[in-house]
Structure formats: structure tokens, C-alpha cells
Protein backbone atom coordinates (compact mmCIF):
# COMPACT_ATOMS: atom_id res chain seq x y z
CA MET A 1 8.74 -11.29 -24.97
CA ALA A 2 9.86 -7.82 -25.70
CA GLN A 3 11.68 -6.15 -22.87
CA THR A 4 11.14 -2.50 -21.90
CA ASP A 5 13.31 -0.59 -19.45
CA ARG A 6 10.50 1.09 -17.61
CA ILE A 7 7.19 0.91 -15.90
CA GLU A 8 4.70 3.68 -16.20
CA ARG A 9 1.53 4.09 -14.04
CA ASP A 10 -0.90 6.98 -13.73
CA VAL A 11 -3.54 7.40 -10.95
CA LEU A 12 -5.96 10.27 -10.39
CA ILE A 13 -6.36 11.13 -6.67
CA ALA A 14 -9.23 13.24 -5.50
CA ALA A 15 -7.06 15.48 -3.28
CA PRO A 16 -5.09 18.80 -3.53
CA ILE A 17 -1.60 18.46 -4.94
CA GLU A 18 -0.08 19.55 -1.65
CA ARG A 19 -1.71 16.62 0.11
CA VAL A 20 -0.66 14.16 -2.59
CA TRP A 21 2.87 15.48 -2.33
CA ALA A 22 2.76 14.84 1.48
CA LEU A 23 1.55 11.26 0.94
CA VAL A 24 4.44 10.41 -1.41
CA THR A 25 7.29 12.23 0.40
CA SER A 26 6.69 11.96 4.15
CA ALA A 27 7.84 8.97 6.14
CA GLU A 28 4.62 8.94 7.96
CA HIS A 29 2.63 8.19 4.99
CA LEU A 30 5.16 6.26 2.91
CA GLY A 31 5.59 3.76 5.80
CA ARG A 32 1.83 3.05 5.69
CA TRP A 33 0.49 2.90 2.14
CA PHE A 34 3.82 1.82 0.43
CA GLY A 35 5.89 0.09 3.05
CA ASP A 36 3.72 -1.46 5.80
CA ALA A 37 6.30 -1.44 8.60
CA GLY A 38 7.49 2.13 8.53
CA ALA A 39 9.75 4.40 6.52
CA GLU A 40 12.46 7.04 7.02
CA ILE A 41 13.33 9.83 4.56
CA ASP A 42 15.76 12.75 4.45
CA LEU A 43 13.88 14.71 1.79
CA ARG A 44 16.82 16.35 -0.05
CA PRO A 45 18.93 15.26 -2.98
CA GLY A 46 21.41 12.78 -1.58
CA GLY A 47 19.24 11.97 1.39
CA ALA A 48 18.72 8.50 2.68
CA LEU A 49 15.39 6.64 2.19
CA THR A 50 14.49 3.45 4.07
CA LEU A 51 11.30 1.55 3.36
CA ARG A 52 10.19 -1.37 5.46
CA TRP A 53 7.71 -4.21 4.76
CA GLU A 54 6.66 -6.96 7.16
CA GLU A 55 6.94 -9.61 4.31
CA TYR A 56 9.83 -8.26 2.18
CA GLY A 57 12.12 -6.68 4.83
CA THR A 58 13.98 -3.37 4.52
CA VAL A 59 14.88 -1.53 1.39
CA HIS A 60 17.39 1.31 1.12
CA GLY A 61 17.27 4.21 -1.23
CA ARG A 62 18.93 7.49 -2.02
CA VAL A 63 16.84 10.63 -2.92
CA GLU A 64 17.71 12.06 -6.33
CA ARG A 65 15.45 15.02 -7.01
CA VAL A 66 12.96 17.09 -4.91
CA GLU A 67 10.95 19.72 -6.63
CA PRO A 68 8.09 20.49 -4.15
CA THR A 69 4.62 19.53 -5.30
CA SER A 70 5.76 18.44 -8.84
CA LEU A 71 8.64 15.87 -8.80
CA PHE A 72 10.20 13.55 -6.18
CA SER A 73 12.65 10.81 -7.32
CA TYR A 74 14.84 8.28 -5.68
CA ARG A 75 17.02 5.38 -6.55
CA TRP A 76 16.40 2.14 -4.71
CA ALA A 77 17.85 -1.49 -4.44
CA PRO A 78 14.98 -3.77 -3.56
CA TYR A 79 16.32 -6.77 -5.35
CA LYS A 80 17.17 -9.48 -2.95
CA GLU A 81 19.94 -11.04 -5.07
CA PHE A 82 21.88 -7.66 -4.86
CA GLY A 83 21.94 -7.99 -1.05
CA GLY A 84 19.71 -5.04 -0.15
CA VAL A 85 22.71 -2.75 -0.13
CA GLU A 86 22.97 0.93 -0.85
CA PRO A 87 21.72 1.75 -4.31
CA GLY A 88 24.33 2.14 -7.01
CA ALA A 89 25.28 1.09 -10.48
CA GLY A 90 24.06 -2.40 -11.36
CA ASN A 91 21.86 -2.93 -8.27
CA SER A 92 19.13 -0.20 -8.48
CA THR A 93 16.39 1.34 -10.39
CA LEU A 94 15.11 4.95 -10.45
CA ILE A 95 11.55 5.81 -9.16
CA GLU A 96 9.96 9.15 -10.20
CA PHE A 97 6.77 10.49 -8.79
CA MET A 98 5.36 13.38 -11.06
CA LEU A 99 2.39 15.33 -9.81
CA THR A 100 -0.01 17.45 -11.80
CA GLU A 101 -3.00 19.47 -10.66
CA THR A 102 -6.24 18.70 -12.43
CA ASP A 103 -9.89 19.88 -11.99
CA GLU A 104 -10.61 16.49 -10.32
CA GLY A 105 -7.58 16.49 -7.94
CA THR A 106 -3.94 15.39 -8.68
CA ARG A 107 -2.67 13.22 -11.35
CA LEU A 108 0.23 11.12 -10.08
CA ARG A 109 2.54 9.53 -12.66
CA VAL A 110 5.05 6.97 -11.43
CA VAL A 111 7.80 5.87 -13.59
CA GLU A 112 10.45 3.23 -12.64
CA SER A 113 13.42 2.85 -15.00
CA GLY A 114 16.80 1.24 -15.25
CA PHE A 115 15.96 -2.39 -15.33
CA SER A 116 18.35 -2.98 -18.36
CA SER A 117 21.28 -1.65 -16.19
CA LEU A 118 20.86 -4.22 -13.51
CA ASP A 119 23.59 -6.72 -13.08
CA ALA A 120 21.49 -9.70 -14.31
CA THR A 121 20.54 -11.59 -17.53
CA ALA A 122 18.04 -9.99 -19.79
CA GLU A 123 15.45 -12.63 -18.69
CA ARG A 124 15.97 -11.72 -14.96
CA GLN A 125 15.76 -7.97 -15.76
CA GLU A 126 12.46 -8.56 -17.41
CA ALA A 127 11.10 -10.72 -14.60
CA LEU A 128 12.01 -8.03 -12.05
CA ARG A 129 10.25 -5.41 -14.20
CA GLN A 130 7.26 -7.61 -14.38
CA ASP A 131 7.25 -8.12 -10.64
CA ASN A 132 7.47 -4.43 -10.02
CA ALA A 133 4.82 -3.60 -12.64
CA ASP A 134 2.36 -5.74 -10.55
CA GLY A 135 3.62 -4.20 -7.37
CA TRP A 136 3.05 -0.61 -8.61
CA ARG A 137 -0.48 -1.64 -9.66
CA GLN A 138 -1.19 -2.86 -6.07
CA GLU A 139 0.71 -0.01 -4.33
CA LEU A 140 -1.16 2.76 -6.30
CA ASP A 141 -4.46 1.10 -5.55
CA GLU A 142 -3.44 1.14 -1.94
CA LEU A 143 -2.43 4.87 -2.19
CA GLY A 144 -5.80 5.66 -3.71
CA VAL A 145 -7.65 4.13 -0.77
CA TYR A 146 -5.23 5.56 1.79
CA ALA A 147 -5.43 9.05 0.26
CA HIS A 148 -9.36 8.86 0.34
CA ALA A 149 -9.22 7.97 4.06
CA HIS A 150 -6.52 10.60 4.93
CA VAL A 151 -7.75 13.69 2.89
């Protein structure tokens, strides 16, 4: 199987870009459609991000970039074998949310990259990438439903 270092997903959300921005950058919303047990975010470069799931526990992240209504990125360490510690070299990947206004609403592009820099075998890196690829598919489906109900 050919390994790639990234996951890329696009979703079209029938909502104004400002609204989609709020859905992907505010703790109130992230803690519902993404995490299901709450979230905290200090929305500035270097700010802390905490996501909670009933089933998976707490994941810590660090905000990388904030360009209002167009780009939000953070580094996170959701991989259990790395201890759920602060994200850093060898234990984290980068998540980027890119928003573009369209006639139909907002196109949200999500890219997760950095799997090849994880402190794991190539096989384990690929397994983590595959798990997250499935996860992003589910999460973005949930975002679409959530956005429709909260526009």
C-alpha cells in the first residue's frame, strides 16, 4: 500500500462563510460536532486547544494560524501511544481548515498532514492516517448536519 503524508477532504456547507468560521473555531461548536464532550480554545497562534470525546478522552492541541474567515490551523496529539501529551515533534499532526465563499455557501477544505513525522513505523503511520481519514469523513458529515441545524 502506498503511503501518503496527508488527508484532504472538502465539504460544501450551505451557510455564510462567517457562520462556518464560527462552527470550526469556537469551543461552543467544536465541542459538539467534532468533540462530543466539550472543547476549549484560545483562538490565537500559540493558544491551547482541548477537545473531548466521551469514547476517546481528551486531546490537546496548539493553535498554529488564525486568518479570520479563511484559515484556521492547529497541531494536535490524538494518538494514544504518544500519551496524549502536548503536541510536538514526533507525536502530532497538523490540521488546516481552509474556507472559501461560493455561490452555494462555503467550501471547507480540511487537510491533516505530518503522519510521516510521527515516531512510529511506516505501517503504523499509515494505519493512523487511514483511521483519521475515516474519522474526517464522519466528522465532516456531522458538521454538515450540525451546520444545517444551527444556521
